[in-house]
């Protein structure tokens, strides 16, 4: 199932504090998504590397970013992309989000 209006531009793998890895499809900031559950990461592309600005989870990708409570932090830190790890289970989304935030401690999660 396609979850986006544009094709992904990259793939990244993030690691949790548990050492478990999580694959993310990367899309340009502003991509519209279907209303699916996912863990997401807000990224800034610098050269060929991404900086993780935020890690969160949502049950509806289609509306999560319109008025995000950390939008000012994303803008201030130059967000360029969003990574999506599709996950239907709310329990699993919260676990994965917490696991990765503990490992990376992103600027906009503070």
PDB file of N, CA and C in Angstrom:
ATOM      1  N   UNK A   1       0.839  -1.185   0.000  1.00  0.00           N
ATOM      2  CA  UNK A   1       0.000   0.000   0.000  1.00  0.00           C
ATOM      3  C   UNK A   1       0.882   1.245   0.000  1.00  0.00           C
ATOM      4  N   UNK A   2       0.574   2.177  -0.841  1.00  0.00           N
ATOM      5  CA  UNK A   2       1.297   3.440  -0.880  1.00  0.00           C
ATOM      6  C   UNK A   2       0.807   4.328   0.259  1.00  0.00           C
ATOM      7  N   UNK A   3       1.732   4.903   0.996  1.00  0.00           N
ATOM      8  CA  UNK A   3       1.350   5.736   2.141  1.00  0.00           C
ATOM      9  C   UNK A   3       1.634   7.208   1.895  1.00  0.00           C
ATOM     10  N   UNK A   4       2.036   7.586   0.692  1.00  0.00           N
ATOM     11  CA  UNK A   4       2.524   8.930   0.451  1.00  0.00           C
ATOM     12  C   UNK A   4       2.148   9.386  -0.942  1.00  0.00           C
ATOM     13  N   UNK A   5       2.294  10.671  -1.197  1.00  0.00           N
ATOM     14  CA  UNK A   5       1.995  11.207  -2.525  1.00  0.00           C
ATOM     15  C   UNK A   5       3.222  11.225  -3.427  1.00  0.00           C
ATOM     16  N   UNK A   6       4.407  11.176  -2.850  1.00  0.00           N
ATOM     17  CA  UNK A   6       5.663  11.201  -3.600  1.00  0.00           C
ATOM     18  C   UNK A   6       6.477   9.963  -3.230  1.00  0.00           C
ATOM     19  N   UNK A   7       7.340   9.509  -4.114  1.00  0.00           N
ATOM     20  CA  UNK A   7       8.178   8.353  -3.752  1.00  0.00           C
ATOM     21  C   UNK A   7       9.216   8.729  -2.694  1.00  0.00           C
ATOM     22  N   UNK A   8       9.607   7.723  -1.921  1.00  0.00           N
ATOM     23  CA  UNK A   8      10.647   7.966  -0.923  1.00  0.00           C
ATOM     24  C   UNK A   8      11.928   8.370  -1.637  1.00  0.00           C
ATOM     25  N   UNK A   9      12.752   9.121  -0.925  1.00  0.00           N
ATOM     26  CA  UNK A   9      14.012   9.583  -1.504  1.00  0.00           C
ATOM     27  C   UNK A   9      15.218   8.856  -0.905  1.00  0.00           C
ATOM     28  N   UNK A  10      14.991   8.156   0.200  1.00  0.00           N
ATOM     29  CA  UNK A  10      16.103   7.500   0.883  1.00  0.00           C
ATOM     30  C   UNK A  10      15.555   6.512   1.906  1.00  0.00           C
ATOM     31  N   UNK A  11      16.437   5.745   2.488  1.00  0.00           N
ATOM     32  CA  UNK A  11      16.131   4.852   3.598  1.00  0.00           C
ATOM     33  C   UNK A  11      17.206   5.042   4.652  1.00  0.00           C
ATOM     34  N   UNK A  12      16.793   5.031   5.914  1.00  0.00           N
ATOM     35  CA  UNK A  12      17.747   5.075   7.017  1.00  0.00           C
ATOM     36  C   UNK A  12      17.340   4.025   8.040  1.00  0.00           C
ATOM     37  N   UNK A  13      18.295   3.569   8.797  1.00  0.00           N
ATOM     38  CA  UNK A  13      18.025   2.632   9.887  1.00  0.00           C
ATOM     39  C   UNK A  13      18.444   3.298  11.184  1.00  0.00           C
ATOM     40  N   UNK A  14      17.494   3.404  12.102  1.00  0.00           N
ATOM     41  CA  UNK A  14      17.781   3.964  13.423  1.00  0.00           C
ATOM     42  C   UNK A  14      17.883   2.823  14.417  1.00  0.00           C
ATOM     43  N   UNK A  15      18.605   3.089  15.488  1.00  0.00           N
ATOM     44  CA  UNK A  15      18.840   2.078  16.517  1.00  0.00           C
ATOM     45  C   UNK A  15      18.278   2.590  17.841  1.00  0.00           C
ATOM     46  N   UNK A  16      17.661   1.685  18.569  1.00  0.00           N
ATOM     47  CA  UNK A  16      17.153   2.034  19.887  1.00  0.00           C
ATOM     48  C   UNK A  16      18.191   1.790  20.968  1.00  0.00           C
ATOM     49  N   UNK A  17      17.917   2.258  22.170  1.00  0.00           N
ATOM     50  CA  UNK A  17      18.797   2.001  23.306  1.00  0.00           C
ATOM     51  C   UNK A  17      18.904   0.498  23.557  1.00  0.00           C
ATOM     52  N   UNK A  18      17.885  -0.252  23.132  1.00  0.00           N
ATOM     53  CA  UNK A  18      17.867  -1.704  23.285  1.00  0.00           C
ATOM     54  C   UNK A  18      18.769  -2.410  22.279  1.00  0.00           C
ATOM     55  N   UNK A  19      19.353  -1.641  21.331  1.00  0.00           N
ATOM     56  CA  UNK A  19      20.163  -2.154  20.225  1.00  0.00           C
ATOM     57  C   UNK A  19      19.321  -2.696  19.072  1.00  0.00           C
ATOM     58  N   UNK A  20      17.997  -2.684  19.220  1.00  0.00           N
ATOM     59  CA  UNK A  20      17.130  -3.094  18.110  1.00  0.00           C
ATOM     60  C   UNK A  20      17.190  -2.024  17.029  1.00  0.00           C
ATOM     61  N   UNK A  21      17.115  -2.438  15.763  1.00  0.00           N
ATOM     62  CA  UNK A  21      17.156  -1.490  14.655  1.00  0.00           C
ATOM     63  C   UNK A  21      15.774  -1.344  14.032  1.00  0.00           C
ATOM     64  N   UNK A  22      15.530  -0.150  13.472  1.00  0.00           N
ATOM     65  CA  UNK A  22      14.238   0.186  12.889  1.00  0.00           C
ATOM     66  C   UNK A  22      14.458   0.863  11.537  1.00  0.00           C
ATOM     67  N   UNK A  23      13.934   0.278  10.453  1.00  0.00           N
ATOM     68  CA  UNK A  23      14.084   0.898   9.133  1.00  0.00           C
ATOM     69  C   UNK A  23      13.056   2.008   8.919  1.00  0.00           C
ATOM     70  N   UNK A  24      13.499   3.099   8.315  1.00  0.00           N
ATOM     71  CA  UNK A  24      12.629   4.236   8.000  1.00  0.00           C
ATOM     72  C   UNK A  24      12.761   4.573   6.520  1.00  0.00           C
ATOM     73  N   UNK A  25      11.632   4.831   5.880  1.00  0.00           N
ATOM     74  CA  UNK A  25      11.624   5.403   4.535  1.00  0.00           C
ATOM     75  C   UNK A  25      11.639   6.908   4.689  1.00  0.00           C
ATOM     76  N   UNK A  26      12.460   7.599   3.921  1.00  0.00           N
ATOM     77  CA  UNK A  26      12.645   9.043   4.060  1.00  0.00           C
ATOM     78  C   UNK A  26      11.975   9.769   2.895  1.00  0.00           C
ATOM     79  N   UNK A  27      11.243  10.827   3.235  1.00  0.00           N
ATOM     80  CA  UNK A  27      10.508  11.637   2.265  1.00  0.00           C
ATOM     81  C   UNK A  27      10.836  13.108   2.486  1.00  0.00           C
ATOM     82  N   UNK A  28      10.690  13.933   1.453  1.00  0.00           N
ATOM     83  CA  UNK A  28      10.883  15.374   1.637  1.00  0.00           C
ATOM     84  C   UNK A  28       9.848  15.926   2.627  1.00  0.00           C
ATOM     85  N   UNK A  29      10.251  16.932   3.392  1.00  0.00           N
ATOM     86  CA  UNK A  29       9.313  17.595   4.302  1.00  0.00           C
ATOM     87  C   UNK A  29       8.168  18.150   3.457  1.00  0.00           C
ATOM     88  N   UNK A  30       6.952  18.013   3.932  1.00  0.00           N
ATOM     89  CA  UNK A  30       5.784  18.506   3.219  1.00  0.00           C
ATOM     90  C   UNK A  30       5.047  17.428   2.455  1.00  0.00           C
ATOM     91  N   UNK A  31       5.596  16.206   2.419  1.00  0.00           N
ATOM     92  CA  UNK A  31       4.908  15.088   1.768  1.00  0.00           C
ATOM     93  C   UNK A  31       3.603  14.807   2.512  1.00  0.00           C
ATOM     94  N   UNK A  32       2.536  14.551   1.781  1.00  0.00           N
ATOM     95  CA  UNK A  32       1.252  14.178   2.380  1.00  0.00           C
ATOM     96  C   UNK A  32       1.171  12.663   2.491  1.00  0.00           C
ATOM     97  N   UNK A  33       0.667  12.195   3.631  1.00  0.00           N
ATOM     98  CA  UNK A  33       0.574  10.773   3.891  1.00  0.00           C
ATOM     99  C   UNK A  33      -0.870  10.339   4.088  1.00  0.00           C
ATOM    100  N   UNK A  34      -1.104   9.054   3.930  1.00  0.00           N
ATOM    101  CA  UNK A  34      -2.409   8.472   4.215  1.00  0.00           C
ATOM    102  C   UNK A  34      -2.562   8.335   5.726  1.00  0.00           C
ATOM    103  N   UNK A  35      -3.785   8.170   6.224  1.00  0.00           N
ATOM    104  CA  UNK A  35      -4.024   8.106   7.676  1.00  0.00           C
ATOM    105  C   UNK A  35      -3.647   6.756   8.274  1.00  0.00           C
ATOM    106  N   UNK A  36      -2.351   6.529   8.404  1.00  0.00           N
ATOM    107  CA  UNK A  36      -1.831   5.277   8.946  1.00  0.00           C
ATOM    108  C   UNK A  36      -1.017   5.533  10.207  1.00  0.00           C
ATOM    109  N   UNK A  37      -0.898   4.521  11.047  1.00  0.00           N
ATOM    110  CA  UNK A  37      -0.077   4.618  12.247  1.00  0.00           C
ATOM    111  C   UNK A  37       1.394   4.415  11.927  1.00  0.00           C
ATOM    112  N   UNK A  38       2.245   5.190  12.606  1.00  0.00           N
ATOM    113  CA  UNK A  38       3.684   5.086  12.341  1.00  0.00           C
ATOM    114  C   UNK A  38       4.491   5.748  13.441  1.00  0.00           C
ATOM    115  N   UNK A  39       5.750   5.357  13.490  1.00  0.00           N
ATOM    116  CA  UNK A  39       6.762   6.103  14.228  1.00  0.00           C
ATOM    117  C   UNK A  39       7.430   6.964  13.165  1.00  0.00           C
ATOM    118  N   UNK A  40       7.747   8.205  13.499  1.00  0.00           N
ATOM    119  CA  UNK A  40       8.352   9.096  12.510  1.00  0.00           C
ATOM    120  C   UNK A  40       9.533   9.821  13.123  1.00  0.00           C
ATOM    121  N   UNK A  41      10.416  10.269  12.264  1.00  0.00           N
ATOM    122  CA  UNK A  41      11.542  11.077  12.701  1.00  0.00           C
ATOM    123  C   UNK A  41      11.659  12.295  11.797  1.00  0.00           C
ATOM    124  N   UNK A  42      11.829  13.448  12.399  1.00  0.00           N
ATOM    125  CA  UNK A  42      12.050  14.688  11.653  1.00  0.00           C
ATOM    126  C   UNK A  42      13.560  14.824  11.486  1.00  0.00           C
ATOM    127  N   UNK A  43      13.982  15.049  10.246  1.00  0.00           N
ATOM    128  CA  UNK A  43      15.405  15.018   9.905  1.00  0.00           C
ATOM    129  C   UNK A  43      15.861  16.310   9.235  1.00  0.00           C
ATOM    130  N   UNK A  44      17.163  16.578   9.346  1.00  0.00           N
ATOM    131  CA  UNK A  44      17.806  17.648   8.589  1.00  0.00           C
ATOM    132  C   UNK A  44      18.937  17.011   7.794  1.00  0.00           C
ATOM    133  N   UNK A  45      18.891  17.181   6.481  1.00  0.00           N
ATOM    134  CA  UNK A  45      19.942  16.642   5.623  1.00  0.00           C
ATOM    135  C   UNK A  45      21.097  17.628   5.582  1.00  0.00           C
ATOM    136  N   UNK A  46      22.283  17.122   5.916  1.00  0.00           N
ATOM    137  CA  UNK A  46      23.511  17.925   5.882  1.00  0.00           C
ATOM    138  C   UNK A  46      24.517  17.169   5.034  1.00  0.00           C
ATOM    139  N   UNK A  47      24.716  17.630   3.802  1.00  0.00           N
ATOM    140  CA  UNK A  47      25.585  16.895   2.883  1.00  0.00           C
ATOM    141  C   UNK A  47      24.922  15.584   2.529  1.00  0.00           C
ATOM    142  N   UNK A  48      25.528  14.482   2.976  1.00  0.00           N
ATOM    143  CA  UNK A  48      24.943  13.167   2.719  1.00  0.00           C
ATOM    144  C   UNK A  48      24.468  12.490   4.012  1.00  0.00           C
ATOM    145  N   UNK A  49      24.454  13.227   5.131  1.00  0.00           N
ATOM    146  CA  UNK A  49      24.057  12.662   6.418  1.00  0.00           C
ATOM    147  C   UNK A  49      22.826  13.375   6.969  1.00  0.00           C
ATOM    148  N   UNK A  50      22.028  12.615   7.702  1.00  0.00           N
ATOM    149  CA  UNK A  50      20.840  13.171   8.360  1.00  0.00           C
ATOM    150  C   UNK A  50      21.117  13.403   9.837  1.00  0.00           C
ATOM    151  N   UNK A  51      20.621  14.523  10.343  1.00  0.00           N
ATOM    152  CA  UNK A  51      20.610  14.784  11.768  1.00  0.00           C
ATOM    153  C   UNK A  51      19.189  14.545  12.250  1.00  0.00           C
ATOM    154  N   UNK A  52      19.028  13.795  13.319  1.00  0.00           N
ATOM    155  CA  UNK A  52      17.712  13.496  13.882  1.00  0.00           C
ATOM    156  C   UNK A  52      17.309  14.655  14.785  1.00  0.00           C
ATOM    157  N   UNK A  53      16.225  15.325  14.425  1.00  0.00           N
ATOM    158  CA  UNK A  53      15.731  16.449  15.217  1.00  0.00           C
ATOM    159  C   UNK A  53      14.644  16.038  16.200  1.00  0.00           C
ATOM    160  N   UNK A  54      13.861  15.026  15.839  1.00  0.00           N
ATOM    161  CA  UNK A  54      12.714  14.633  16.662  1.00  0.00           C
ATOM    162  C   UNK A  54      12.312  13.211  16.307  1.00  0.00           C
ATOM    163  N   UNK A  55      11.843  12.462  17.289  1.00  0.00           N
ATOM    164  CA  UNK A  55      11.253  11.143  17.073  1.00  0.00           C
ATOM    165  C   UNK A  55       9.913  11.134  17.778  1.00  0.00           C
ATOM    166  N   UNK A  56       8.868  10.743  17.057  1.00  0.00           N
ATOM    167  CA  UNK A  56       7.525  10.706  17.620  1.00  0.00           C
ATOM    168  C   UNK A  56       6.728   9.557  17.041  1.00  0.00           C
ATOM    169  N   UNK A  57       5.474   9.489  17.428  1.00  0.00           N
ATOM    170  CA  UNK A  57       4.589   8.456  16.907  1.00  0.00           C
ATOM    171  C   UNK A  57       3.197   9.055  16.738  1.00  0.00           C
ATOM    172  N   UNK A  58       2.431   8.462  15.839  1.00  0.00           N
ATOM    173  CA  UNK A  58       1.069   8.927  15.587  1.00  0.00           C
ATOM    174  C   UNK A  58       0.215   7.781  15.074  1.00  0.00           C
ATOM    175  N   UNK A  59      -1.086   7.885  15.278  1.00  0.00           N
ATOM    176  CA  UNK A  59      -1.992   6.902  14.693  1.00  0.00           C
ATOM    177  C   UNK A  59      -2.557   7.410  13.364  1.00  0.00           C
ATOM    178  N   UNK A  60      -2.161   8.644  12.963  1.00  0.00           N
ATOM    179  CA  UNK A  60      -2.688   9.220  11.728  1.00  0.00           C
ATOM    180  C   UNK A  60      -1.659  10.144  11.082  1.00  0.00           C
ATOM    181  N   UNK A  61      -0.858   9.600  10.191  1.00  0.00           N
ATOM    182  CA  UNK A  61       0.175  10.383   9.504  1.00  0.00           C
ATOM    183  C   UNK A  61      -0.404  11.539   8.685  1.00  0.00           C
ATOM    184  N   UNK A  62      -1.658  11.447   8.285  1.00  0.00           N
ATOM    185  CA  UNK A  62      -2.224  12.459   7.393  1.00  0.00           C
ATOM    186  C   UNK A  62      -2.433  13.812   8.068  1.00  0.00           C
ATOM    187  N   UNK A  63      -2.504  13.853   9.391  1.00  0.00           N
ATOM    188  CA  UNK A  63      -2.764  15.142  10.051  1.00  0.00           C
ATOM    189  C   UNK A  63      -1.747  15.524  11.105  1.00  0.00           C
ATOM    190  N   UNK A  64      -0.796  14.709  11.372  1.00  0.00           N
ATOM    191  CA  UNK A  64       0.118  14.926  12.490  1.00  0.00           C
ATOM    192  C   UNK A  64       1.000  16.168  12.362  1.00  0.00           C
ATOM    193  N   UNK A  65       1.332  16.599  11.166  1.00  0.00           N
ATOM    194  CA  UNK A  65       2.352  17.634  11.017  1.00  0.00           C
ATOM    195  C   UNK A  65       1.811  19.020  10.711  1.00  0.00           C
ATOM    196  N   UNK A  66       0.509  19.135  10.472  1.00  0.00           N
ATOM    197  CA  UNK A  66      -0.089  20.428  10.137  1.00  0.00           C
ATOM    198  C   UNK A  66       0.139  21.467  11.238  1.00  0.00           C
ATOM    199  N   UNK A  67      -0.081  21.065  12.460  1.00  0.00           N
ATOM    200  CA  UNK A  67       0.072  21.975  13.602  1.00  0.00           C
ATOM    201  C   UNK A  67       0.838  21.280  14.724  1.00  0.00           C
ATOM    202  N   UNK A  68       1.957  20.696  14.402  1.00  0.00           N
ATOM    203  CA  UNK A  68       2.732  19.932  15.388  1.00  0.00           C
ATOM    204  C   UNK A  68       3.175  20.832  16.532  1.00  0.00           C
ATOM    205  N   UNK A  69       3.110  20.318  17.749  1.00  0.00           N
ATOM    206  CA  UNK A  69       3.459  21.117  18.928  1.00  0.00           C
ATOM    207  C   UNK A  69       4.955  21.472  18.987  1.00  0.00           C
ATOM    208  N   UNK A  70       5.807  20.834  18.197  1.00  0.00           N
ATOM    209  CA  UNK A  70       7.234  21.157  18.169  1.00  0.00           C
ATOM    210  C   UNK A  70       7.662  21.825  16.854  1.00  0.00           C
ATOM    211  N   UNK A  71       6.700  22.338  16.086  1.00  0.00           N
ATOM    212  CA  UNK A  71       6.960  22.940  14.781  1.00  0.00           C
ATOM    213  C   UNK A  71       8.015  24.051  14.849  1.00  0.00           C
ATOM    214  N   UNK A  72       7.965  24.888  15.855  1.00  0.00           N
ATOM    215  CA  UNK A  72       8.933  25.981  15.994  1.00  0.00           C
ATOM    216  C   UNK A  72      10.348  25.408  16.099  1.00  0.00           C
ATOM    217  N   UNK A  73      10.516  24.340  16.856  1.00  0.00           N
ATOM    218  CA  UNK A  73      11.834  23.697  16.983  1.00  0.00           C
ATOM    219  C   UNK A  73      12.271  23.099  15.649  1.00  0.00           C
ATOM    220  N   UNK A  74      11.343  22.466  14.930  1.00  0.00           N
ATOM    221  CA  UNK A  74      11.679  21.898  13.616  1.00  0.00           C
ATOM    222  C   UNK A  74      12.168  22.999  12.683  1.00  0.00           C
ATOM    223  N   UNK A  75      11.436  24.109  12.647  1.00  0.00           N
ATOM    224  CA  UNK A  75      11.795  25.227  11.766  1.00  0.00           C
ATOM    225  C   UNK A  75      13.144  25.827  12.161  1.00  0.00           C
ATOM    226  N   UNK A  76      13.328  26.053  13.449  1.00  0.00           N
ATOM    227  CA  UNK A  76      14.562  26.659  13.953  1.00  0.00           C
ATOM    228  C   UNK A  76      15.785  25.796  13.627  1.00  0.00           C
ATOM    229  N   UNK A  77      15.590  24.482  13.590  1.00  0.00           N
ATOM    230  CA  UNK A  77      16.698  23.560  13.349  1.00  0.00           C
ATOM    231  C   UNK A  77      16.800  23.097  11.904  1.00  0.00           C
ATOM    232  N   UNK A  78      16.029  23.702  11.004  1.00  0.00           N
ATOM    233  CA  UNK A  78      16.184  23.462   9.572  1.00  0.00           C
ATOM    234  C   UNK A  78      15.725  22.108   9.063  1.00  0.00           C
ATOM    235  N   UNK A  79      14.546  21.655   9.515  1.00  0.00           N
ATOM    236  CA  UNK A  79      14.042  20.363   9.055  1.00  0.00           C
ATOM    237  C   UNK A  79      13.963  20.318   7.530  1.00  0.00           C
ATOM    238  N   UNK A  80      14.325  19.153   6.944  1.00  0.00           N
ATOM    239  CA  UNK A  80      14.273  18.986   5.492  1.00  0.00           C
ATOM    240  C   UNK A  80      13.519  17.734   5.071  1.00  0.00           C
ATOM    241  N   UNK A  81      13.472  16.725   5.952  1.00  0.00           N
ATOM    242  CA  UNK A  81      12.898  15.433   5.591  1.00  0.00           C
ATOM    243  C   UNK A  81      12.155  14.819   6.772  1.00  0.00           C
ATOM    244  N   UNK A  82      11.359  13.821   6.464  1.00  0.00           N
ATOM    245  CA  UNK A  82      10.677  13.043   7.496  1.00  0.00           C
ATOM    246  C   UNK A  82      10.863  11.569   7.191  1.00  0.00           C
ATOM    247  N   UNK A  83      11.206  10.814   8.224  1.00  0.00           N
ATOM    248  CA  UNK A  83      11.364   9.368   8.086  1.00  0.00           C
ATOM    249  C   UNK A  83      10.151   8.674   8.677  1.00  0.00           C
ATOM    250  N   UNK A  84       9.662   7.638   7.986  1.00  0.00           N
ATOM    251  CA  UNK A  84       8.448   6.933   8.400  1.00  0.00           C
ATOM    252  C   UNK A  84       8.744   5.451   8.612  1.00  0.00           C
ATOM    253  N   UNK A  85       8.369   4.961   9.781  1.00  0.00           N
ATOM    254  CA  UNK A  85       8.431   3.535  10.106  1.00  0.00           C
ATOM    255  C   UNK A  85       6.989   3.132  10.412  1.00  0.00           C
ATOM    256  N   UNK A  86       6.325   2.531   9.447  1.00  0.00           N
ATOM    257  CA  UNK A  86       4.912   2.197   9.608  1.00  0.00           C
ATOM    258  C   UNK A  86       4.721   1.163  10.699  1.00  0.00           C
ATOM    259  N   UNK A  87       3.768   1.418  11.614  1.00  0.00           N
ATOM    260  CA  UNK A  87       3.491   0.517  12.736  1.00  0.00           C
ATOM    261  C   UNK A  87       2.045   0.733  13.172  1.00  0.00           C
ATOM    262  N   UNK A  88       1.201  -0.273  12.986  1.00  0.00           N
ATOM    263  CA  UNK A  88      -0.224  -0.161  13.320  1.00  0.00           C
ATOM    264  C   UNK A  88      -0.477  -0.220  14.830  1.00  0.00           C
ATOM    265  N   UNK A  89       0.315  -0.980  15.569  1.00  0.00           N
ATOM    266  CA  UNK A  89       0.097  -1.199  16.998  1.00  0.00           C
ATOM    267  C   UNK A  89       0.520   0.019  17.822  1.00  0.00           C
ATOM    268  N   UNK A  90      -0.430   0.595  18.554  1.00  0.00           N
ATOM    269  CA  UNK A  90      -0.112   1.741  19.408  1.00  0.00           C
ATOM    270  C   UNK A  90       0.938   1.370  20.451  1.00  0.00           C
ATOM    271  N   UNK A  91       0.806   0.200  21.046  1.00  0.00           N
ATOM    272  CA  UNK A  91       1.758  -0.256  22.061  1.00  0.00           C
ATOM    273  C   UNK A  91       3.171  -0.330  21.475  1.00  0.00           C
ATOM    274  N   UNK A  92       3.302  -0.892  20.279  1.00  0.00           N
ATOM    275  CA  UNK A  92       4.604  -0.997  19.623  1.00  0.00           C
ATOM    276  C   UNK A  92       5.148   0.372  19.223  1.00  0.00           C
ATOM    277  N   UNK A  93       4.272   1.277  18.781  1.00  0.00           N
ATOM    278  CA  UNK A  93       4.728   2.634  18.424  1.00  0.00           C
ATOM    279  C   UNK A  93       5.337   3.319  19.632  1.00  0.00           C
ATOM    280  N   UNK A  94       4.663   3.265  20.770  1.00  0.00           N
ATOM    281  CA  UNK A  94       5.191   3.904  21.976  1.00  0.00           C
ATOM    282  C   UNK A  94       6.507   3.267  22.408  1.00  0.00           C
ATOM    283  N   UNK A  95       6.598   1.934  22.328  1.00  0.00           N
ATOM    284  CA  UNK A  95       7.835   1.259  22.699  1.00  0.00           C
ATOM    285  C   UNK A  95       8.989   1.704  21.799  1.00  0.00           C
ATOM    286  N   UNK A  96       8.768   1.659  20.489  1.00  0.00           N
ATOM    287  CA  UNK A  96       9.821   2.008  19.531  1.00  0.00           C
ATOM    288  C   UNK A  96      10.232   3.470  19.676  1.00  0.00           C
ATOM    289  N   UNK A  97       9.245   4.364  19.825  1.00  0.00           N
ATOM    290  CA  UNK A  97       9.550   5.789  20.010  1.00  0.00           C
ATOM    291  C   UNK A  97      10.446   5.975  21.234  1.00  0.00           C
ATOM    292  N   UNK A  98      10.056   5.419  22.354  1.00  0.00           N
ATOM    293  CA  UNK A  98      10.822   5.552  23.597  1.00  0.00           C
ATOM    294  C   UNK A  98      12.216   4.958  23.455  1.00  0.00           C
ATOM    295  N   UNK A  99      12.315   3.805  22.817  1.00  0.00           N
ATOM    296  CA  UNK A  99      13.600   3.133  22.627  1.00  0.00           C
ATOM    297  C   UNK A  99      14.565   4.020  21.840  1.00  0.00           C
ATOM    298  N   UNK A 100      14.080   4.625  20.757  1.00  0.00           N
ATOM    299  CA  UNK A 100      14.958   5.472  19.930  1.00  0.00           C
ATOM    300  C   UNK A 100      15.258   6.816  20.587  1.00  0.00           C
ATOM    301  N   UNK A 101      14.277   7.418  21.256  1.00  0.00           N
ATOM    302  CA  UNK A 101      14.525   8.691  21.950  1.00  0.00           C
ATOM    303  C   UNK A 101      15.588   8.493  23.021  1.00  0.00           C
ATOM    304  N   UNK A 102      15.546   7.394  23.713  1.00  0.00           N
ATOM    305  CA  UNK A 102      16.557   7.114  24.746  1.00  0.00           C
ATOM    306  C   UNK A 102      17.958   6.992  24.134  1.00  0.00           C
ATOM    307  N   UNK A 103      18.036   6.470  22.929  1.00  0.00           N
ATOM    308  CA  UNK A 103      19.339   6.308  22.285  1.00  0.00           C
ATOM    309  C   UNK A 103      19.866   7.629  21.707  1.00  0.00           C
ATOM    310  N   UNK A 104      19.013   8.387  21.037  1.00  0.00           N
ATOM    311  CA  UNK A 104      19.471   9.588  20.315  1.00  0.00           C
ATOM    312  C   UNK A 104      19.282  10.892  21.074  1.00  0.00           C
ATOM    313  N   UNK A 105      18.310  10.977  21.947  1.00  0.00           N
ATOM    314  CA  UNK A 105      18.013  12.212  22.692  1.00  0.00           C
ATOM    315  C   UNK A 105      17.955  13.429  21.746  1.00  0.00           C
ATOM    316  N   UNK A 106      17.053  13.376  20.759  1.00  0.00           N
ATOM    317  CA  UNK A 106      16.991  14.447  19.750  1.00  0.00           C
ATOM    318  C   UNK A 106      16.680  15.833  20.341  1.00  0.00           C
ATOM    319  N   UNK A 107      17.235  16.840  19.709  1.00  0.00           N
ATOM    320  CA  UNK A 107      17.098  18.235  20.137  1.00  0.00           C
ATOM    321  C   UNK A 107      15.646  18.626  20.405  1.00  0.00           C
ATOM    322  N   UNK A 108      14.749  18.296  19.484  1.00  0.00           N
ATOM    323  CA  UNK A 108      13.352  18.751  19.611  1.00  0.00           C
ATOM    324  C   UNK A 108      12.499  17.845  20.483  1.00  0.00           C
ATOM    325  N   UNK A 109      13.053  16.766  21.023  1.00  0.00           N
ATOM    326  CA  UNK A 109      12.335  15.936  21.990  1.00  0.00           C
ATOM    327  C   UNK A 109      12.559  16.430  23.427  1.00  0.00           C
ATOM    328  N   UNK A 110      13.454  17.381  23.597  1.00  0.00           N
ATOM    329  CA  UNK A 110      13.808  17.848  24.949  1.00  0.00           C
ATOM    330  C   UNK A 110      12.853  18.892  25.435  1.00  0.00           C
TER     331      UNK A 110
END
